[in-house]
Amino acid sequence: MGYDFSGAGTGYRLNDWQMGHVRLVMLEAGAIAGDGLERLFGNEQFAPSADTVPVGHFSSNDGWPVTAAQSAFIAARLRAALTADLIGDMALFYYDQPTQLREWVDEFAAFNEQAASDGGYVVR
C-alpha cells in the first residue's frame, strides 16, 4: 500500500508509513489542514491560510486532484519548513521520527515544484 502522486510528466510515491510522517510535516507547515487536526507548534510563519489544502487530499489515496497552484503552495511551505528546521523542532515531540524525513520532505517539495509547472497531480 502507499500513495502514488502522478501528473502530466511527473510522478512520486510514498508508502503509508512515509506518508504519515510527511503528512505531519505538511500539517505543521500549514500546507494542509482540516478534519480536526491541529498543529503542535503555534509558529505564525506556518499558520494555515486561504491557500492551505484540505488534509483529506492526503489522508486517503482516492484520486484527489491537487492543482498547480496548490502544488506551488505545498512546495513553498515545505521549503520554508526545511529552512526553518521545523523537522528538527518536531523531533522533540515525535520520538520515533525517521532520520530520512528531511530527505522525503525535500523530495516531495521538489515533486510539488515540478507538478506546479506541469498542471498539478492526482493522489492515488
PDB file of N, CA and C in Angstrom:
ATOM      1  N   MET A   1       0.837  -1.166   0.000  1.00  0.00           N
ATOM      2  CA  MET A   1       0.000   0.000   0.000  1.00  0.00           C
ATOM      3  C   MET A   1       0.888   1.238   0.000  1.00  0.00           C
ATOM      4  N   GLY A   2       0.307   2.303  -0.462  1.00  0.00           N
ATOM      5  CA  GLY A   2       1.059   3.538  -0.489  1.00  0.00           C
ATOM      6  C   GLY A   2       0.291   4.620  -1.211  1.00  0.00           C
ATOM      7  N   TYR A   3       0.994   5.685  -1.483  1.00  0.00           N
ATOM      8  CA  TYR A   3       0.438   6.851  -2.147  1.00  0.00           C
ATOM      9  C   TYR A   3       1.234   7.102  -3.414  1.00  0.00           C
ATOM     10  N   ASP A   4       0.525   7.154  -4.525  1.00  0.00           N
ATOM     11  CA  ASP A   4       1.133   7.498  -5.805  1.00  0.00           C
ATOM     12  C   ASP A   4       0.634   8.878  -6.191  1.00  0.00           C
ATOM     13  N   PHE A   5       1.565   9.733  -6.557  1.00  0.00           N
ATOM     14  CA  PHE A   5       1.255  11.086  -6.987  1.00  0.00           C
ATOM     15  C   PHE A   5       1.653  11.172  -8.446  1.00  0.00           C
ATOM     16  N   SER A   6       0.684  11.378  -9.323  1.00  0.00           N
ATOM     17  CA  SER A   6       1.001  11.387 -10.743  1.00  0.00           C
ATOM     18  C   SER A   6       0.431  12.622 -11.418  1.00  0.00           C
ATOM     19  N   GLY A   7       1.268  13.223 -12.264  1.00  0.00           N
ATOM     20  CA  GLY A   7       0.876  14.402 -13.020  1.00  0.00           C
ATOM     21  C   GLY A   7       1.225  14.238 -14.476  1.00  0.00           C
ATOM     22  N   ALA A   8       1.218  15.328 -15.195  1.00  0.00           N
ATOM     23  CA  ALA A   8       1.446  15.313 -16.640  1.00  0.00           C
ATOM     24  C   ALA A   8       2.778  14.681 -17.013  1.00  0.00           C
ATOM     25  N   GLY A   9       3.822  15.040 -16.341  1.00  0.00           N
ATOM     26  CA  GLY A   9       5.122  14.474 -16.687  1.00  0.00           C
ATOM     27  C   GLY A   9       5.910  14.055 -15.465  1.00  0.00           C
ATOM     28  N   THR A  10       5.220  13.978 -14.317  1.00  0.00           N
ATOM     29  CA  THR A  10       5.910  13.722 -13.070  1.00  0.00           C
ATOM     30  C   THR A  10       5.213  12.622 -12.287  1.00  0.00           C
ATOM     31  N   GLY A  11       5.948  12.015 -11.406  1.00  0.00           N
ATOM     32  CA  GLY A  11       5.385  11.011 -10.524  1.00  0.00           C
ATOM     33  C   GLY A  11       6.241  10.873  -9.283  1.00  0.00           C
ATOM     34  N   TYR A  12       5.617  10.448  -8.207  1.00  0.00           N
ATOM     35  CA  TYR A  12       6.317  10.242  -6.949  1.00  0.00           C
ATOM     36  C   TYR A  12       5.510   9.242  -6.144  1.00  0.00           C
ATOM     37  N   ARG A  13       6.176   8.517  -5.253  1.00  0.00           N
ATOM     38  CA  ARG A  13       5.485   7.505  -4.451  1.00  0.00           C
ATOM     39  C   ARG A  13       6.029   7.516  -3.032  1.00  0.00           C
ATOM     40  N   LEU A  14       5.122   7.389  -2.079  1.00  0.00           N
ATOM     41  CA  LEU A  14       5.467   7.202  -0.671  1.00  0.00           C
ATOM     42  C   LEU A  14       4.645   6.040  -0.140  1.00  0.00           C
ATOM     43  N   ASN A  15       5.267   5.187   0.688  1.00  0.00           N
ATOM     44  CA  ASN A  15       4.463   4.145   1.314  1.00  0.00           C
ATOM     45  C   ASN A  15       3.638   4.776   2.444  1.00  0.00           C
ATOM     46  N   ASP A  16       2.736   4.015   3.023  1.00  0.00           N
ATOM     47  CA  ASP A  16       1.834   4.559   4.042  1.00  0.00           C
ATOM     48  C   ASP A  16       2.601   5.136   5.229  1.00  0.00           C
ATOM     49  N   TRP A  17       3.642   4.457   5.667  1.00  0.00           N
ATOM     50  CA  TRP A  17       4.434   4.902   6.804  1.00  0.00           C
ATOM     51  C   TRP A  17       5.137   6.224   6.498  1.00  0.00           C
ATOM     52  N   GLN A  18       5.761   6.305   5.324  1.00  0.00           N
ATOM     53  CA  GLN A  18       6.430   7.544   4.921  1.00  0.00           C
ATOM     54  C   GLN A  18       5.425   8.685   4.826  1.00  0.00           C
ATOM     55  N   MET A  19       4.275   8.432   4.196  1.00  0.00           N
ATOM     56  CA  MET A  19       3.271   9.471   4.016  1.00  0.00           C
ATOM     57  C   MET A  19       2.759   9.977   5.353  1.00  0.00           C
ATOM     58  N   GLY A  20       2.630   9.091   6.330  1.00  0.00           N
ATOM     59  CA  GLY A  20       2.198   9.516   7.658  1.00  0.00           C
ATOM     60  C   GLY A  20       3.121  10.572   8.242  1.00  0.00           C
ATOM     61  N   HIS A  21       4.411  10.390   8.078  1.00  0.00           N
ATOM     62  CA  HIS A  21       5.386  11.351   8.604  1.00  0.00           C
ATOM     63  C   HIS A  21       5.437  12.628   7.764  1.00  0.00           C
ATOM     64  N   VAL A  22       5.403  12.499   6.451  1.00  0.00           N
ATOM     65  CA  VAL A  22       5.408  13.679   5.581  1.00  0.00           C
ATOM     66  C   VAL A  22       4.138  14.489   5.812  1.00  0.00           C
ATOM     67  N   ARG A  23       3.020  13.808   6.010  1.00  0.00           N
ATOM     68  CA  ARG A  23       1.747  14.498   6.270  1.00  0.00           C
ATOM     69  C   ARG A  23       1.844  15.328   7.558  1.00  0.00           C
ATOM     70  N   LEU A  24       2.521  14.819   8.594  1.00  0.00           N
ATOM     71  CA  LEU A  24       2.697  15.595   9.827  1.00  0.00           C
ATOM     72  C   LEU A  24       3.485  16.879   9.563  1.00  0.00           C
ATOM     73  N   VAL A  25       4.522  16.789   8.736  1.00  0.00           N
ATOM     74  CA  VAL A  25       5.292  17.989   8.390  1.00  0.00           C
ATOM     75  C   VAL A  25       4.406  18.961   7.620  1.00  0.00           C
ATOM     76  N   MET A  26       3.617  18.444   6.682  1.00  0.00           N
ATOM     77  CA  MET A  26       2.719  19.303   5.908  1.00  0.00           C
ATOM     78  C   MET A  26       1.720  20.001   6.828  1.00  0.00           C
ATOM     79  N   LEU A  27       1.210  19.285   7.823  1.00  0.00           N
ATOM     80  CA  LEU A  27       0.275  19.860   8.782  1.00  0.00           C
ATOM     81  C   LEU A  27       0.957  20.957   9.602  1.00  0.00           C
ATOM     82  N   GLU A  28       2.128  20.663  10.143  1.00  0.00           N
ATOM     83  CA  GLU A  28       2.853  21.642  10.964  1.00  0.00           C
ATOM     84  C   GLU A  28       3.281  22.863  10.142  1.00  0.00           C
ATOM     85  N   ALA A  29       3.534  22.651   8.847  1.00  0.00           N
ATOM     86  CA  ALA A  29       3.949  23.746   7.963  1.00  0.00           C
ATOM     87  C   ALA A  29       2.756  24.549   7.440  1.00  0.00           C
ATOM     88  N   GLY A  30       1.534  24.128   7.782  1.00  0.00           N
ATOM     89  CA  GLY A  30       0.345  24.840   7.322  1.00  0.00           C
ATOM     90  C   GLY A  30       0.029  24.608   5.859  1.00  0.00           C
ATOM     91  N   ALA A  31       0.656  23.603   5.256  1.00  0.00           N
ATOM     92  CA  ALA A  31       0.372  23.274   3.858  1.00  0.00           C
ATOM     93  C   ALA A  31      -0.966  22.568   3.734  1.00  0.00           C
ATOM     94  N   ILE A  32      -1.342  21.820   4.777  1.00  0.00           N
ATOM     95  CA  ILE A  32      -2.623  21.127   4.823  1.00  0.00           C
ATOM     96  C   ILE A  32      -3.262  21.405   6.179  1.00  0.00           C
ATOM     97  N   ALA A  33      -4.573  21.304   6.240  1.00  0.00           N
ATOM     98  CA  ALA A  33      -5.298  21.484   7.496  1.00  0.00           C
ATOM     99  C   ALA A  33      -6.699  20.921   7.339  1.00  0.00           C
ATOM    100  N   GLY A  34      -7.346  20.726   8.474  1.00  0.00           N
ATOM    101  CA  GLY A  34      -8.738  20.289   8.465  1.00  0.00           C
ATOM    102  C   GLY A  34      -8.956  18.992   9.205  1.00  0.00           C
ATOM    103  N   ASP A  35     -10.169  18.500   9.145  1.00  0.00           N
ATOM    104  CA  ASP A  35     -10.584  17.255   9.786  1.00  0.00           C
ATOM    105  C   ASP A  35     -10.263  17.225  11.278  1.00  0.00           C
ATOM    106  N   GLY A  36     -10.232  18.389  11.913  1.00  0.00           N
ATOM    107  CA  GLY A  36      -9.987  18.463  13.344  1.00  0.00           C
ATOM    108  C   GLY A  36      -8.545  18.302  13.766  1.00  0.00           C
ATOM    109  N   LEU A  37      -7.637  18.163  12.805  1.00  0.00           N
ATOM    110  CA  LEU A  37      -6.224  18.025  13.148  1.00  0.00           C
ATOM    111  C   LEU A  37      -5.648  19.387  13.502  1.00  0.00           C
ATOM    112  N   GLU A  38      -4.844  19.430  14.519  1.00  0.00           N
ATOM    113  CA  GLU A  38      -4.246  20.676  14.994  1.00  0.00           C
ATOM    114  C   GLU A  38      -2.728  20.590  14.941  1.00  0.00           C
ATOM    115  N   ARG A  39      -2.107  21.719  14.714  1.00  0.00           N
ATOM    116  CA  ARG A  39      -0.647  21.797  14.749  1.00  0.00           C
ATOM    117  C   ARG A  39      -0.190  21.815  16.208  1.00  0.00           C
ATOM    118  N   LEU A  40       0.952  21.221  16.489  1.00  0.00           N
ATOM    119  CA  LEU A  40       1.521  21.269  17.835  1.00  0.00           C
ATOM    120  C   LEU A  40       2.186  22.605  18.111  1.00  0.00           C
ATOM    121  N   PHE A  41       2.764  23.207  17.083  1.00  0.00           N
ATOM    122  CA  PHE A  41       3.526  24.438  17.237  1.00  0.00           C
ATOM    123  C   PHE A  41       2.680  25.609  16.764  1.00  0.00           C
ATOM    124  N   GLY A  42       2.767  26.718  17.451  1.00  0.00           N
ATOM    125  CA  GLY A  42       1.972  27.881  17.087  1.00  0.00           C
ATOM    126  C   GLY A  42       2.730  28.894  16.263  1.00  0.00           C
ATOM    127  N   ASN A  43       3.757  28.465  15.540  1.00  0.00           N
ATOM    128  CA  ASN A  43       4.583  29.367  14.741  1.00  0.00           C
ATOM    129  C   ASN A  43       3.718  30.053  13.683  1.00  0.00           C
ATOM    130  N   GLU A  44       3.572  31.362  13.786  1.00  0.00           N
ATOM    131  CA  GLU A  44       2.717  32.112  12.853  1.00  0.00           C
ATOM    132  C   GLU A  44       3.214  32.051  11.407  1.00  0.00           C
ATOM    133  N   GLN A  45       4.506  31.829  11.228  1.00  0.00           N
ATOM    134  CA  GLN A  45       5.046  31.680   9.874  1.00  0.00           C
ATOM    135  C   GLN A  45       4.333  30.555   9.130  1.00  0.00           C
ATOM    136  N   PHE A  46       3.872  29.564   9.870  1.00  0.00           N
ATOM    137  CA  PHE A  46       3.250  28.392   9.267  1.00  0.00           C
ATOM    138  C   PHE A  46       1.749  28.301   9.533  1.00  0.00           C
ATOM    139  N   ALA A  47       1.132  29.415   9.878  1.00  0.00           N
ATOM    140  CA  ALA A  47      -0.309  29.413  10.113  1.00  0.00           C
ATOM    141  C   ALA A  47      -1.036  29.070   8.821  1.00  0.00           C
ATOM    142  N   PRO A  48      -2.071  28.238   8.902  1.00  0.00           N
ATOM    143  CA  PRO A  48      -2.858  27.951   7.708  1.00  0.00           C
ATOM    144  C   PRO A  48      -3.404  29.243   7.099  1.00  0.00           C
ATOM    145  N   SER A  49      -3.554  29.236   5.794  1.00  0.00           N
ATOM    146  CA  SER A  49      -4.053  30.408   5.079  1.00  0.00           C
ATOM    147  C   SER A  49      -5.173  29.975   4.135  1.00  0.00           C
ATOM    148  N   ALA A  50      -5.650  30.909   3.358  1.00  0.00           N
ATOM    149  CA  ALA A  50      -6.694  30.602   2.378  1.00  0.00           C
ATOM    150  C   ALA A  50      -6.205  29.598   1.340  1.00  0.00           C
ATOM    151  N   ASP A  51      -4.895  29.498   1.152  1.00  0.00           N
ATOM    152  CA  ASP A  51      -4.321  28.573   0.168  1.00  0.00           C
ATOM    153  C   ASP A  51      -4.071  27.176   0.722  1.00  0.00           C
ATOM    154  N   THR A  52      -4.226  26.999   2.021  1.00  0.00           N
ATOM    155  CA  THR A  52      -3.971  25.705   2.646  1.00  0.00           C
ATOM    156  C   THR A  52      -4.894  24.648   2.045  1.00  0.00           C
ATOM    157  N   VAL A  53      -4.334  23.499   1.736  1.00  0.00           N
ATOM    158  CA  VAL A  53      -5.042  22.401   1.073  1.00  0.00           C
ATOM    159  C   VAL A  53      -5.741  21.535   2.128  1.00  0.00           C
ATOM    160  N   PRO A  54      -6.951  21.063   1.856  1.00  0.00           N
ATOM    161  CA  PRO A  54      -7.627  20.185   2.812  1.00  0.00           C
ATOM    162  C   PRO A  54      -6.808  18.918   3.078  1.00  0.00           C
ATOM    163  N   VAL A  55      -6.677  18.563   4.342  1.00  0.00           N
ATOM    164  CA  VAL A  55      -5.887  17.394   4.726  1.00  0.00           C
ATOM    165  C   VAL A  55      -6.441  16.120   4.086  1.00  0.00           C
ATOM    166  N   GLY A  56      -7.726  16.098   3.807  1.00  0.00           N
ATOM    167  CA  GLY A  56      -8.339  14.922   3.201  1.00  0.00           C
ATOM    168  C   GLY A  56      -7.707  14.513   1.884  1.00  0.00           C
ATOM    169  N   HIS A  57      -7.115  15.457   1.179  1.00  0.00           N
ATOM    170  CA  HIS A  57      -6.433  15.141  -0.075  1.00  0.00           C
ATOM    171  C   HIS A  57      -5.265  14.185   0.163  1.00  0.00           C
ATOM    172  N   PHE A  58      -4.726  14.198   1.379  1.00  0.00           N
ATOM    173  CA  PHE A  58      -3.542  13.397   1.688  1.00  0.00           C
ATOM    174  C   PHE A  58      -3.790  12.396   2.807  1.00  0.00           C
ATOM    175  N   SER A  59      -5.048  12.188   3.163  1.00  0.00           N
ATOM    176  CA  SER A  59      -5.392  11.199   4.176  1.00  0.00           C
ATOM    177  C   SER A  59      -5.875   9.904   3.545  1.00  0.00           C
ATOM    178  N   SER A  60      -6.174   9.978   2.295  1.00  0.00           N
ATOM    179  CA  SER A  60      -6.580   8.781   1.558  1.00  0.00           C
ATOM    180  C   SER A  60      -6.025   8.903   0.149  1.00  0.00           C
ATOM    181  N   ASN A  61      -5.930   7.794  -0.508  1.00  0.00           N
ATOM    182  CA  ASN A  61      -5.411   7.807  -1.874  1.00  0.00           C
ATOM    183  C   ASN A  61      -6.563   7.530  -2.843  1.00  0.00           C
ATOM    184  N   ASP A  62      -7.579   8.381  -2.756  1.00  0.00           N
ATOM    185  CA  ASP A  62      -8.817   8.189  -3.504  1.00  0.00           C
ATOM    186  C   ASP A  62      -8.924   9.014  -4.780  1.00  0.00           C
ATOM    187  N   GLY A  63      -7.815   9.445  -5.336  1.00  0.00           N
ATOM    188  CA  GLY A  63      -7.867  10.179  -6.588  1.00  0.00           C
ATOM    189  C   GLY A  63      -8.103  11.663  -6.446  1.00  0.00           C
ATOM    190  N   TRP A  64      -7.714  12.251  -5.319  1.00  0.00           N
ATOM    191  CA  TRP A  64      -7.887  13.685  -5.129  1.00  0.00           C
ATOM    192  C   TRP A  64      -7.003  14.468  -6.082  1.00  0.00           C
ATOM    193  N   PRO A  65      -7.547  15.456  -6.774  1.00  0.00           N
ATOM    194  CA  PRO A  65      -6.715  16.311  -7.627  1.00  0.00           C
ATOM    195  C   PRO A  65      -6.055  17.418  -6.792  1.00  0.00           C
ATOM    196  N   VAL A  66      -4.818  17.696  -7.100  1.00  0.00           N
ATOM    197  CA  VAL A  66      -4.076  18.802  -6.496  1.00  0.00           C
ATOM    198  C   VAL A  66      -3.705  19.725  -7.652  1.00  0.00           C
ATOM    199  N   THR A  67      -4.178  20.957  -7.614  1.00  0.00           N
ATOM    200  CA  THR A  67      -3.967  21.892  -8.718  1.00  0.00           C
ATOM    201  C   THR A  67      -2.517  22.375  -8.761  1.00  0.00           C
ATOM    202  N   ALA A  68      -2.171  23.023  -9.839  1.00  0.00           N
ATOM    203  CA  ALA A  68      -0.829  23.604  -9.964  1.00  0.00           C
ATOM    204  C   ALA A  68      -0.586  24.633  -8.867  1.00  0.00           C
ATOM    205  N   ALA A  69      -1.578  25.464  -8.582  1.00  0.00           N
ATOM    206  CA  ALA A  69      -1.437  26.479  -7.531  1.00  0.00           C
ATOM    207  C   ALA A  69      -1.261  25.828  -6.159  1.00  0.00           C
ATOM    208  N   GLN A  70      -2.022  24.773  -5.887  1.00  0.00           N
ATOM    209  CA  GLN A  70      -1.869  24.057  -4.625  1.00  0.00           C
ATOM    210  C   GLN A  70      -0.499  23.398  -4.534  1.00  0.00           C
ATOM    211  N   SER A  71      -0.026  22.848  -5.647  1.00  0.00           N
ATOM    212  CA  SER A  71       1.310  22.233  -5.685  1.00  0.00           C
ATOM    213  C   SER A  71       2.380  23.260  -5.346  1.00  0.00           C
ATOM    214  N   ALA A  72       2.272  24.443  -5.922  1.00  0.00           N
ATOM    215  CA  ALA A  72       3.242  25.506  -5.660  1.00  0.00           C
ATOM    216  C   ALA A  72       3.199  25.923  -4.190  1.00  0.00           C
ATOM    217  N   PHE A  73       1.993  26.020  -3.627  1.00  0.00           N
ATOM    218  CA  PHE A  73       1.854  26.390  -2.221  1.00  0.00           C
ATOM    219  C   PHE A  73       2.468  25.333  -1.309  1.00  0.00           C
ATOM    220  N   ILE A  74       2.180  24.073  -1.577  1.00  0.00           N
ATOM    221  CA  ILE A  74       2.739  22.979  -0.785  1.00  0.00           C
ATOM    222  C   ILE A  74       4.263  23.015  -0.851  1.00  0.00           C
ATOM    223  N   ALA A  75       4.805  23.164  -2.050  1.00  0.00           N
ATOM    224  CA  ALA A  75       6.259  23.207  -2.218  1.00  0.00           C
ATOM    225  C   ALA A  75       6.864  24.361  -1.424  1.00  0.00           C
ATOM    226  N   ALA A  76       6.246  25.540  -1.498  1.00  0.00           N
ATOM    227  CA  ALA A  76       6.772  26.701  -0.784  1.00  0.00           C
ATOM    228  C   ALA A  76       6.740  26.486   0.724  1.00  0.00           C
ATOM    229  N   ARG A  77       5.666  25.921   1.233  1.00  0.00           N
ATOM    230  CA  ARG A  77       5.574  25.672   2.678  1.00  0.00           C
ATOM    231  C   ARG A  77       6.585  24.614   3.119  1.00  0.00           C
ATOM    232  N   LEU A  78       6.770  23.572   2.318  1.00  0.00           N
ATOM    233  CA  LEU A  78       7.745  22.542   2.686  1.00  0.00           C
ATOM    234  C   LEU A  78       9.164  23.086   2.640  1.00  0.00           C
ATOM    235  N   ARG A  79       9.484  23.906   1.662  1.00  0.00           N
ATOM    236  CA  ARG A  79      10.812  24.534   1.586  1.00  0.00           C
ATOM    237  C   ARG A  79      11.038  25.442   2.801  1.00  0.00           C
ATOM    238  N   ALA A  80      10.024  26.213   3.165  1.00  0.00           N
ATOM    239  CA  ALA A  80      10.138  27.088   4.339  1.00  0.00           C
ATOM    240  C   ALA A  80      10.325  26.255   5.612  1.00  0.00           C
ATOM    241  N   ALA A  81       9.630  25.136   5.706  1.00  0.00           N
ATOM    242  CA  ALA A  81       9.768  24.253   6.869  1.00  0.00           C
ATOM    243  C   ALA A  81      11.184  23.689   6.957  1.00  0.00           C
ATOM    244  N   LEU A  82      11.740  23.310   5.811  1.00  0.00           N
ATOM    245  CA  LEU A  82      13.116  22.800   5.800  1.00  0.00           C
ATOM    246  C   LEU A  82      14.094  23.894   6.216  1.00  0.00           C
ATOM    247  N   THR A  83      13.920  25.088   5.701  1.00  0.00           N
ATOM    248  CA  THR A  83      14.800  26.211   6.026  1.00  0.00           C
ATOM    249  C   THR A  83      14.728  26.558   7.510  1.00  0.00           C
ATOM    250  N   ALA A  84      13.540  26.528   8.077  1.00  0.00           N
ATOM    251  CA  ALA A  84      13.341  26.882   9.488  1.00  0.00           C
ATOM    252  C   ALA A  84      13.640  25.717  10.434  1.00  0.00           C
ATOM    253  N   ASP A  85      14.020  24.564   9.897  1.00  0.00           N
ATOM    254  CA  ASP A  85      14.278  23.342  10.672  1.00  0.00           C
ATOM    255  C   ASP A  85      13.079  22.938  11.520  1.00  0.00           C
ATOM    256  N   LEU A  86      11.909  23.072  10.935  1.00  0.00           N
ATOM    257  CA  LEU A  86      10.694  22.636  11.607  1.00  0.00           C
ATOM    258  C   LEU A  86      10.762  21.151  11.944  1.00  0.00           C
ATOM    259  N   ILE A  87      11.397  20.378  11.097  1.00  0.00           N
ATOM    260  CA  ILE A  87      11.516  18.938  11.323  1.00  0.00           C
ATOM    261  C   ILE A  87      12.347  18.671  12.581  1.00  0.00           C
ATOM    262  N   GLY A  88      13.390  19.462  12.779  1.00  0.00           N
ATOM    263  CA  GLY A  88      14.185  19.331  14.000  1.00  0.00           C
ATOM    264  C   GLY A  88      13.357  19.641  15.235  1.00  0.00           C
ATOM    265  N   ASP A  89      12.524  20.680  15.161  1.00  0.00           N
ATOM    266  CA  ASP A  89      11.636  21.010  16.282  1.00  0.00           C
ATOM    267  C   ASP A  89      10.643  19.879  16.533  1.00  0.00           C
ATOM    268  N   MET A  90      10.123  19.301  15.460  1.00  0.00           N
ATOM    269  CA  MET A  90       9.160  18.215  15.594  1.00  0.00           C
ATOM    270  C   MET A  90       9.777  16.995  16.253  1.00  0.00           C
ATOM    271  N   ALA A  91      11.070  16.771  16.040  1.00  0.00           N
ATOM    272  CA  ALA A  91      11.742  15.603  16.612  1.00  0.00           C
ATOM    273  C   ALA A  91      11.689  15.617  18.137  1.00  0.00           C
ATOM    274  N   LEU A  92      11.522  16.795  18.723  1.00  0.00           N
ATOM    275  CA  LEU A  92      11.414  16.887  20.173  1.00  0.00           C
ATOM    276  C   LEU A  92      10.112  16.269  20.688  1.00  0.00           C
ATOM    277  N   PHE A  93       9.093  16.203  19.823  1.00  0.00           N
ATOM    278  CA  PHE A  93       7.792  15.673  20.214  1.00  0.00           C
ATOM    279  C   PHE A  93       7.515  14.292  19.643  1.00  0.00           C
ATOM    280  N   TYR A  94       8.076  14.010  18.486  1.00  0.00           N
ATOM    281  CA  TYR A  94       7.853  12.719  17.829  1.00  0.00           C
ATOM    282  C   TYR A  94       9.131  11.897  17.949  1.00  0.00           C
ATOM    283  N   TYR A  95       9.229  11.141  19.005  1.00  0.00           N
ATOM    284  CA  TYR A  95      10.458  10.402  19.301  1.00  0.00           C
ATOM    285  C   TYR A  95      10.799   9.349  18.251  1.00  0.00           C
ATOM    286  N   ASP A  96       9.819   8.883  17.517  1.00  0.00           N
ATOM    287  CA  ASP A  96      10.066   7.843  16.517  1.00  0.00           C
ATOM    288  C   ASP A  96      10.203   8.409  15.102  1.00  0.00           C
ATOM    289  N   GLN A  97      10.489   9.692  15.006  1.00  0.00           N
ATOM    290  CA  GLN A  97      10.627  10.336  13.699  1.00  0.00           C
ATOM    291  C   GLN A  97      11.785   9.710  12.929  1.00  0.00           C
ATOM    292  N   PRO A  98      11.560   9.271  11.698  1.00  0.00           N
ATOM    293  CA  PRO A  98      12.635   8.638  10.922  1.00  0.00           C
ATOM    294  C   PRO A  98      13.727   9.628  10.524  1.00  0.00           C
ATOM    295  N   THR A  99      14.941   9.149  10.486  1.00  0.00           N
ATOM    296  CA  THR A  99      16.073  10.012  10.120  1.00  0.00           C
ATOM    297  C   THR A  99      15.996  10.461   8.666  1.00  0.00           C
ATOM    298  N   GLN A 100      15.262   9.759   7.831  1.00  0.00           N
ATOM    299  CA  GLN A 100      15.146  10.101   6.411  1.00  0.00           C
ATOM    300  C   GLN A 100      14.066  11.145   6.135  1.00  0.00           C
ATOM    301  N   LEU A 101      13.396  11.644   7.165  1.00  0.00           N
ATOM    302  CA  LEU A 101      12.252  12.528   6.951  1.00  0.00           C
ATOM    303  C   LEU A 101      12.624  13.782   6.170  1.00  0.00           C
ATOM    304  N   ARG A 102      13.754  14.405   6.476  1.00  0.00           N
ATOM    305  CA  ARG A 102      14.164  15.599   5.718  1.00  0.00           C
ATOM    306  C   ARG A 102      14.301  15.272   4.235  1.00  0.00           C
ATOM    307  N   GLU A 103      14.876  14.123   3.945  1.00  0.00           N
ATOM    308  CA  GLU A 103      15.047  13.694   2.546  1.00  0.00           C
ATOM    309  C   GLU A 103      13.695  13.522   1.869  1.00  0.00           C
ATOM    310  N   TRP A 104      12.757  12.876   2.537  1.00  0.00           N
ATOM    311  CA  TRP A 104      11.426  12.667   1.953  1.00  0.00           C
ATOM    312  C   TRP A 104      10.724  13.996   1.718  1.00  0.00           C
ATOM    313  N   VAL A 105      10.824  14.905   2.684  1.00  0.00           N
ATOM    314  CA  VAL A 105      10.178  16.209   2.549  1.00  0.00           C
ATOM    315  C   VAL A 105      10.814  16.995   1.407  1.00  0.00           C
ATOM    316  N   ASP A 106      12.132  16.948   1.314  1.00  0.00           N
ATOM    317  CA  ASP A 106      12.832  17.621   0.212  1.00  0.00           C
ATOM    318  C   ASP A 106      12.394  17.047  -1.134  1.00  0.00           C
ATOM    319  N   GLU A 107      12.317  15.732  -1.234  1.00  0.00           N
ATOM    320  CA  GLU A 107      11.886  15.085  -2.483  1.00  0.00           C
ATOM    321  C   GLU A 107      10.433  15.444  -2.819  1.00  0.00           C
ATOM    322  N   PHE A 108       9.566  15.461  -1.792  1.00  0.00           N
ATOM    323  CA  PHE A 108       8.165  15.784  -2.047  1.00  0.00           C
ATOM    324  C   PHE A 108       8.008  17.250  -2.428  1.00  0.00           C
ATOM    325  N   ALA A 109       8.825  18.126  -1.831  1.00  0.00           N
ATOM    326  CA  ALA A 109       8.814  19.541  -2.223  1.00  0.00           C
ATOM    327  C   ALA A 109       9.245  19.678  -3.682  1.00  0.00           C
ATOM    328  N   ALA A 110      10.301  18.960  -4.069  1.00  0.00           N
ATOM    329  CA  ALA A 110      10.776  19.009  -5.460  1.00  0.00           C
ATOM    330  C   ALA A 110       9.704  18.481  -6.415  1.00  0.00           C
ATOM    331  N   PHE A 111       9.035  17.403  -6.019  1.00  0.00           N
ATOM    332  CA  PHE A 111       7.949  16.875  -6.848  1.00  0.00           C
ATOM    333  C   PHE A 111       6.855  17.922  -7.005  1.00  0.00           C
ATOM    334  N   ASN A 112       6.463  18.578  -5.920  1.00  0.00           N
ATOM    335  CA  ASN A 112       5.417  19.597  -5.991  1.00  0.00           C
ATOM    336  C   ASN A 112       5.852  20.790  -6.834  1.00  0.00           C
ATOM    337  N   GLU A 113       7.112  21.164  -6.762  1.00  0.00           N
ATOM    338  CA  GLU A 113       7.617  22.247  -7.615  1.00  0.00           C
ATOM    339  C   GLU A 113       7.466  21.878  -9.086  1.00  0.00           C
ATOM    340  N   GLN A 114       7.832  20.663  -9.422  1.00  0.00           N
ATOM    341  CA  GLN A 114       7.705  20.206 -10.808  1.00  0.00           C
ATOM    342  C   GLN A 114       6.236  20.120 -11.213  1.00  0.00           C
ATOM    343  N   ALA A 115       5.418  19.571 -10.321  1.00  0.00           N
ATOM    344  CA  ALA A 115       3.984  19.432 -10.622  1.00  0.00           C
ATOM    345  C   ALA A 115       3.319  20.788 -10.806  1.00  0.00           C
ATOM    346  N   ALA A 116       3.802  21.810 -10.102  1.00  0.00           N
ATOM    347  CA  ALA A 116       3.233  23.152 -10.256  1.00  0.00           C
ATOM    348  C   ALA A 116       3.390  23.652 -11.682  1.00  0.00           C
ATOM    349  N   SER A 117       4.514  23.309 -12.305  1.00  0.00           N
ATOM    350  CA  SER A 117       4.715  23.748 -13.691  1.00  0.00           C
ATOM    351  C   SER A 117       4.095  22.782 -14.700  1.00  0.00           C
ATOM    352  N   ASP A 118       3.675  21.595 -14.231  1.00  0.00           N
ATOM    353  CA  ASP A 118       3.057  20.593 -15.111  1.00  0.00           C
ATOM    354  C   ASP A 118       1.544  20.545 -14.990  1.00  0.00           C
ATOM    355  N   GLY A 119       0.954  21.441 -14.199  1.00  0.00           N
ATOM    356  CA  GLY A 119      -0.501  21.473 -14.093  1.00  0.00           C
ATOM    357  C   GLY A 119      -1.092  20.737 -12.904  1.00  0.00           C
ATOM    358  N   GLY A 120      -0.273  20.319 -11.946  1.00  0.00           N
ATOM    359  CA  GLY A 120      -0.773  19.647 -10.756  1.00  0.00           C
ATOM    360  C   GLY A 120      -0.642  18.138 -10.857  1.00  0.00           C
ATOM    361  N   TYR A 121      -1.351  17.441  -9.977  1.00  0.00           N
ATOM    362  CA  TYR A 121      -1.274  15.970  -9.928  1.00  0.00           C
ATOM    363  C   TYR A 121      -2.493  15.386  -9.245  1.00  0.00           C
ATOM    364  N   VAL A 122      -2.551  14.078  -9.257  1.00  0.00           N
ATOM    365  CA  VAL A 122      -3.633  13.332  -8.623  1.00  0.00           C
ATOM    366  C   VAL A 122      -3.014  12.424  -7.566  1.00  0.00           C
ATOM    367  N   VAL A 123      -3.682  12.312  -6.419  1.00  0.00           N
ATOM    368  CA  VAL A 123      -3.241  11.433  -5.331  1.00  0.00           C
ATOM    369  C   VAL A 123      -3.966  10.108  -5.466  1.00  0.00           C
ATOM    370  N   ARG A 124      -3.220   9.042  -5.643  1.00  0.00           N
ATOM    371  CA  ARG A 124      -3.829   7.696  -5.769  1.00  0.00           C
ATOM    372  C   ARG A 124      -3.192   6.739  -4.794  1.00  0.00           C
TER     373      ARG A 124
END
